[in-house]
């Protein structure tokens, strides 16, 4: 499968109900629309979207799906902050019938997952807010290859 990892967009600094409830700011929604537009224009849209239950990730996924004309995302508790790579692989087995799966989540989870599946170590990959990466991976196998990593600054240049 091709696994798209899309980090949530820019969110507010705090929320009275805690980190779980921090919503996207206007720029975060714009970032989600931009990455959806880029992936649509390059025929890289996912077949299914899975999201962390944290508000900022859900809002990123929802804005992405709306912009791309895709069905809404499916909330997956295992994508919440603190994701372990082994857990992700075990959970992704259930989605092997899809050619391209998008997951919406957090740092340092995504960079750690990418590094772990590529067999590289700490600091090799950086997933900034609203960055998108694509791995070719075959869960439950750990090994992957990196198809692309698009930083948000490049998405904004292309979207302009």
C-alpha atoms as a PDB file:
ATOM      1  CA  UNK A   1       0.000   0.000   0.000  1.00  0.00           C
ATOM      2  CA  UNK A   2       0.937   3.616  -0.337  1.00  0.00           C
ATOM      3  CA  UNK A   3       0.638   5.250   3.060  1.00  0.00           C
ATOM      4  CA  UNK A   4       0.157   9.018   3.117  1.00  0.00           C
ATOM      5  CA  UNK A   5       1.097  10.598   6.438  1.00  0.00           C
ATOM      6  CA  UNK A   6      -0.347  14.084   6.795  1.00  0.00           C
ATOM      7  CA  UNK A   7       0.449  16.061   9.899  1.00  0.00           C
ATOM      8  CA  UNK A   8      -2.289  18.309  11.239  1.00  0.00           C
ATOM      9  CA  UNK A   9      -2.261  21.976  10.303  1.00  0.00           C
ATOM     10  CA  UNK A  10      -1.536  24.960  12.523  1.00  0.00           C
ATOM     11  CA  UNK A  11      -3.602  24.863  15.706  1.00  0.00           C
ATOM     12  CA  UNK A  12      -4.253  27.226  18.581  1.00  0.00           C
ATOM     13  CA  UNK A  13      -1.662  27.321  21.344  1.00  0.00           C
ATOM     14  CA  UNK A  14      -4.009  26.176  24.086  1.00  0.00           C
ATOM     15  CA  UNK A  15      -7.576  25.269  24.908  1.00  0.00           C
ATOM     16  CA  UNK A  16      -9.409  25.337  28.255  1.00  0.00           C
ATOM     17  CA  UNK A  17     -10.201  21.624  27.829  1.00  0.00           C
ATOM     18  CA  UNK A  18      -6.545  20.708  27.246  1.00  0.00           C
ATOM     19  CA  UNK A  19      -4.315  19.610  24.398  1.00  0.00           C
ATOM     20  CA  UNK A  20      -6.818  17.087  23.056  1.00  0.00           C
ATOM     21  CA  UNK A  21      -9.277  19.890  22.243  1.00  0.00           C
ATOM     22  CA  UNK A  22      -6.966  22.407  20.530  1.00  0.00           C
ATOM     23  CA  UNK A  23      -8.676  23.402  17.234  1.00  0.00           C
ATOM     24  CA  UNK A  24      -7.123  24.501  13.967  1.00  0.00           C
ATOM     25  CA  UNK A  25      -6.730  28.199  13.319  1.00  0.00           C
ATOM     26  CA  UNK A  26      -7.700  29.661   9.924  1.00  0.00           C
ATOM     27  CA  UNK A  27      -4.177  29.047   8.592  1.00  0.00           C
ATOM     28  CA  UNK A  28      -4.473  25.356   9.559  1.00  0.00           C
ATOM     29  CA  UNK A  29      -7.630  24.954   7.480  1.00  0.00           C
ATOM     30  CA  UNK A  30      -5.912  26.725   4.570  1.00  0.00           C
ATOM     31  CA  UNK A  31      -2.970  24.317   4.895  1.00  0.00           C
ATOM     32  CA  UNK A  32      -5.331  21.318   4.761  1.00  0.00           C
ATOM     33  CA  UNK A  33      -7.012  22.707   1.649  1.00  0.00           C
ATOM     34  CA  UNK A  34      -3.619  23.323   0.022  1.00  0.00           C
ATOM     35  CA  UNK A  35      -2.331  19.775   0.592  1.00  0.00           C
ATOM     36  CA  UNK A  36      -5.651  18.356  -0.694  1.00  0.00           C
ATOM     37  CA  UNK A  37      -5.323  20.498  -3.804  1.00  0.00           C
ATOM     38  CA  UNK A  38      -1.748  19.414  -4.380  1.00  0.00           C
ATOM     39  CA  UNK A  39      -2.516  15.707  -3.993  1.00  0.00           C
ATOM     40  CA  UNK A  40      -5.600  16.028  -6.209  1.00  0.00           C
ATOM     41  CA  UNK A  41      -3.620  17.797  -8.935  1.00  0.00           C
ATOM     42  CA  UNK A  42      -0.992  15.044  -8.937  1.00  0.00           C
ATOM     43  CA  UNK A  43      -3.496  12.156  -8.785  1.00  0.00           C
ATOM     44  CA  UNK A  44      -2.216  11.152  -5.326  1.00  0.00           C
ATOM     45  CA  UNK A  45      -5.490  11.271  -3.363  1.00  0.00           C
ATOM     46  CA  UNK A  46      -6.117   8.444  -0.894  1.00  0.00           C
ATOM     47  CA  UNK A  47      -8.787   5.781  -1.149  1.00  0.00           C
ATOM     48  CA  UNK A  48      -9.547   6.133   2.574  1.00  0.00           C
ATOM     49  CA  UNK A  49      -8.653   8.660   5.288  1.00  0.00           C
ATOM     50  CA  UNK A  50      -7.999   7.742   8.908  1.00  0.00           C
ATOM     51  CA  UNK A  51      -7.528  10.332  11.630  1.00  0.00           C
ATOM     52  CA  UNK A  52      -6.391  10.789  15.178  1.00  0.00           C
ATOM     53  CA  UNK A  53      -9.230  11.631  17.570  1.00  0.00           C
ATOM     54  CA  UNK A  54      -7.509  14.880  18.622  1.00  0.00           C
ATOM     55  CA  UNK A  55      -9.530  17.875  17.414  1.00  0.00           C
ATOM     56  CA  UNK A  56      -6.774  19.483  15.314  1.00  0.00           C
ATOM     57  CA  UNK A  57      -6.100  16.252  13.395  1.00  0.00           C
ATOM     58  CA  UNK A  58      -9.819  15.573  12.882  1.00  0.00           C
ATOM     59  CA  UNK A  59     -10.352  19.100  11.573  1.00  0.00           C
ATOM     60  CA  UNK A  60      -7.369  18.782   9.229  1.00  0.00           C
ATOM     61  CA  UNK A  61      -8.724  15.489   7.891  1.00  0.00           C
ATOM     62  CA  UNK A  62     -12.269  16.838   7.534  1.00  0.00           C
ATOM     63  CA  UNK A  63     -11.127  19.963   5.669  1.00  0.00           C
ATOM     64  CA  UNK A  64      -8.853  17.828   3.468  1.00  0.00           C
ATOM     65  CA  UNK A  65     -11.685  15.404   2.631  1.00  0.00           C
ATOM     66  CA  UNK A  66     -14.187  18.178   1.921  1.00  0.00           C
ATOM     67  CA  UNK A  67     -11.712  19.963  -0.361  1.00  0.00           C
ATOM     68  CA  UNK A  68     -10.780  16.757  -2.185  1.00  0.00           C
ATOM     69  CA  UNK A  69     -14.370  15.540  -2.532  1.00  0.00           C
ATOM     70  CA  UNK A  70     -13.658  12.416  -0.483  1.00  0.00           C
ATOM     71  CA  UNK A  71     -15.813  10.669   2.109  1.00  0.00           C
ATOM     72  CA  UNK A  72     -15.132  11.921   5.632  1.00  0.00           C
ATOM     73  CA  UNK A  73     -12.283  10.513   7.699  1.00  0.00           C
ATOM     74  CA  UNK A  74     -12.617   7.552  10.032  1.00  0.00           C
ATOM     75  CA  UNK A  75     -11.465   8.205  13.602  1.00  0.00           C
ATOM     76  CA  UNK A  76      -8.818   5.763  14.776  1.00  0.00           C
ATOM     77  CA  UNK A  77      -7.838   5.946  18.481  1.00  0.00           C
ATOM     78  CA  UNK A  78      -4.443   4.362  17.739  1.00  0.00           C
ATOM     79  CA  UNK A  79      -3.479   7.545  15.815  1.00  0.00           C
ATOM     80  CA  UNK A  80      -3.679   9.726  18.949  1.00  0.00           C
ATOM     81  CA  UNK A  81      -0.465  11.343  20.182  1.00  0.00           C
ATOM     82  CA  UNK A  82       2.011   8.769  21.433  1.00  0.00           C
ATOM     83  CA  UNK A  83       1.682   6.368  18.499  1.00  0.00           C
ATOM     84  CA  UNK A  84       4.035   3.378  18.577  1.00  0.00           C
ATOM     85  CA  UNK A  85       5.270   2.193  15.145  1.00  0.00           C
ATOM     86  CA  UNK A  86       4.505  -1.452  15.926  1.00  0.00           C
ATOM     87  CA  UNK A  87       0.922  -0.537  16.814  1.00  0.00           C
ATOM     88  CA  UNK A  88       0.509   1.422  13.593  1.00  0.00           C
ATOM     89  CA  UNK A  89       1.670  -1.526  11.479  1.00  0.00           C
ATOM     90  CA  UNK A  90      -0.628  -3.934  13.303  1.00  0.00           C
ATOM     91  CA  UNK A  91      -3.609  -1.590  12.838  1.00  0.00           C
ATOM     92  CA  UNK A  92      -2.817  -0.867   9.181  1.00  0.00           C
ATOM     93  CA  UNK A  93      -3.154  -4.573   8.351  1.00  0.00           C
ATOM     94  CA  UNK A  94      -6.941  -4.039   8.455  1.00  0.00           C
ATOM     95  CA  UNK A  95      -6.635  -1.551   5.550  1.00  0.00           C
ATOM     96  CA  UNK A  96      -4.429  -3.616   3.207  1.00  0.00           C
ATOM     97  CA  UNK A  97      -7.149  -3.858   0.568  1.00  0.00           C
ATOM     98  CA  UNK A  98      -6.741  -0.144  -0.152  1.00  0.00           C
ATOM     99  CA  UNK A  99      -4.116   1.034  -2.606  1.00  0.00           C
ATOM    100  CA  UNK A 100      -3.564   4.396  -0.898  1.00  0.00           C
ATOM    101  CA  UNK A 101      -4.380   5.124   2.751  1.00  0.00           C
ATOM    102  CA  UNK A 102      -4.015   8.549   4.382  1.00  0.00           C
ATOM    103  CA  UNK A 103      -3.443   8.930   8.098  1.00  0.00           C
ATOM    104  CA  UNK A 104      -3.738  12.283   9.870  1.00  0.00           C
ATOM    105  CA  UNK A 105      -1.815  12.719  13.079  1.00  0.00           C
ATOM    106  CA  UNK A 106       1.000  14.185  15.078  1.00  0.00           C
ATOM    107  CA  UNK A 107       4.674  14.681  15.810  1.00  0.00           C
ATOM    108  CA  UNK A 108       6.963  13.208  16.845  1.00  0.00           C
ATOM    109  CA  UNK A 109       4.875  10.148  15.959  1.00  0.00           C
ATOM    110  CA  UNK A 110       5.045  10.494  12.181  1.00  0.00           C
ATOM    111  CA  UNK A 111       8.750  11.250  11.847  1.00  0.00           C
ATOM    112  CA  UNK A 112       9.539   8.396  14.251  1.00  0.00           C
ATOM    113  CA  UNK A 113       7.318   6.010  12.285  1.00  0.00           C
ATOM    114  CA  UNK A 114       8.933   6.968   8.972  1.00  0.00           C
ATOM    115  CA  UNK A 115      12.457   6.673  10.390  1.00  0.00           C
ATOM    116  CA  UNK A 116      11.657   3.310  12.008  1.00  0.00           C
ATOM    117  CA  UNK A 117      10.237   1.811   8.797  1.00  0.00           C
ATOM    118  CA  UNK A 118      13.125   3.184   6.718  1.00  0.00           C
ATOM    119  CA  UNK A 119      15.714   1.926   9.221  1.00  0.00           C
ATOM    120  CA  UNK A 120      17.219   5.361   9.888  1.00  0.00           C
ATOM    121  CA  UNK A 121      17.720   7.048  13.232  1.00  0.00           C
ATOM    122  CA  UNK A 122      16.663  10.176  15.113  1.00  0.00           C
ATOM    123  CA  UNK A 123      16.485  13.495  13.358  1.00  0.00           C
ATOM    124  CA  UNK A 124      16.583  12.194   9.784  1.00  0.00           C
ATOM    125  CA  UNK A 125      12.959  13.100   9.016  1.00  0.00           C
ATOM    126  CA  UNK A 126      11.060  16.224  10.023  1.00  0.00           C
ATOM    127  CA  UNK A 127       7.293  16.445   9.604  1.00  0.00           C
ATOM    128  CA  UNK A 128       6.329  20.083  10.077  1.00  0.00           C
ATOM    129  CA  UNK A 129       2.707  21.070  10.521  1.00  0.00           C
ATOM    130  CA  UNK A 130       0.723  20.165   7.367  1.00  0.00           C
ATOM    131  CA  UNK A 131       3.641  18.295   5.774  1.00  0.00           C
ATOM    132  CA  UNK A 132       2.773  15.206   3.730  1.00  0.00           C
ATOM    133  CA  UNK A 133       4.844  12.081   3.236  1.00  0.00           C
ATOM    134  CA  UNK A 134       4.172   8.928   1.265  1.00  0.00           C
ATOM    135  CA  UNK A 135       5.612   5.515   2.041  1.00  0.00           C
ATOM    136  CA  UNK A 136       5.263   2.287   0.122  1.00  0.00           C
ATOM    137  CA  UNK A 137       4.718  -0.258   2.858  1.00  0.00           C
ATOM    138  CA  UNK A 138       3.198  -3.719   3.230  1.00  0.00           C
ATOM    139  CA  UNK A 139       1.847  -4.163   6.772  1.00  0.00           C
ATOM    140  CA  UNK A 140       2.686  -6.028   8.912  1.00  0.00           C
ATOM    141  CA  UNK A 141       6.168  -5.832   7.351  1.00  0.00           C
ATOM    142  CA  UNK A 142       8.252  -3.107   8.956  1.00  0.00           C
ATOM    143  CA  UNK A 143      10.187  -2.069   5.870  1.00  0.00           C
ATOM    144  CA  UNK A 144       9.135   0.780   3.616  1.00  0.00           C
ATOM    145  CA  UNK A 145      10.418   3.063   0.906  1.00  0.00           C
ATOM    146  CA  UNK A 146       9.864   6.807   0.845  1.00  0.00           C
ATOM    147  CA  UNK A 147       8.023   8.054  -2.268  1.00  0.00           C
ATOM    148  CA  UNK A 148       7.943  11.686  -1.211  1.00  0.00           C
ATOM    149  CA  UNK A 149       8.046  14.143   1.666  1.00  0.00           C
ATOM    150  CA  UNK A 150       6.518  17.530   0.907  1.00  0.00           C
ATOM    151  CA  UNK A 151       7.162  20.299   3.441  1.00  0.00           C
ATOM    152  CA  UNK A 152       4.412  22.879   3.981  1.00  0.00           C
ATOM    153  CA  UNK A 153       6.436  25.733   2.472  1.00  0.00           C
ATOM    154  CA  UNK A 154       6.587  23.866  -0.836  1.00  0.00           C
ATOM    155  CA  UNK A 155       2.847  23.124  -0.732  1.00  0.00           C
ATOM    156  CA  UNK A 156       2.149  26.832  -0.257  1.00  0.00           C
ATOM    157  CA  UNK A 157       4.397  27.722  -3.232  1.00  0.00           C
ATOM    158  CA  UNK A 158       2.626  25.210  -5.463  1.00  0.00           C
ATOM    159  CA  UNK A 159      -0.828  26.243  -4.202  1.00  0.00           C
ATOM    160  CA  UNK A 160      -0.228  29.951  -4.950  1.00  0.00           C
END
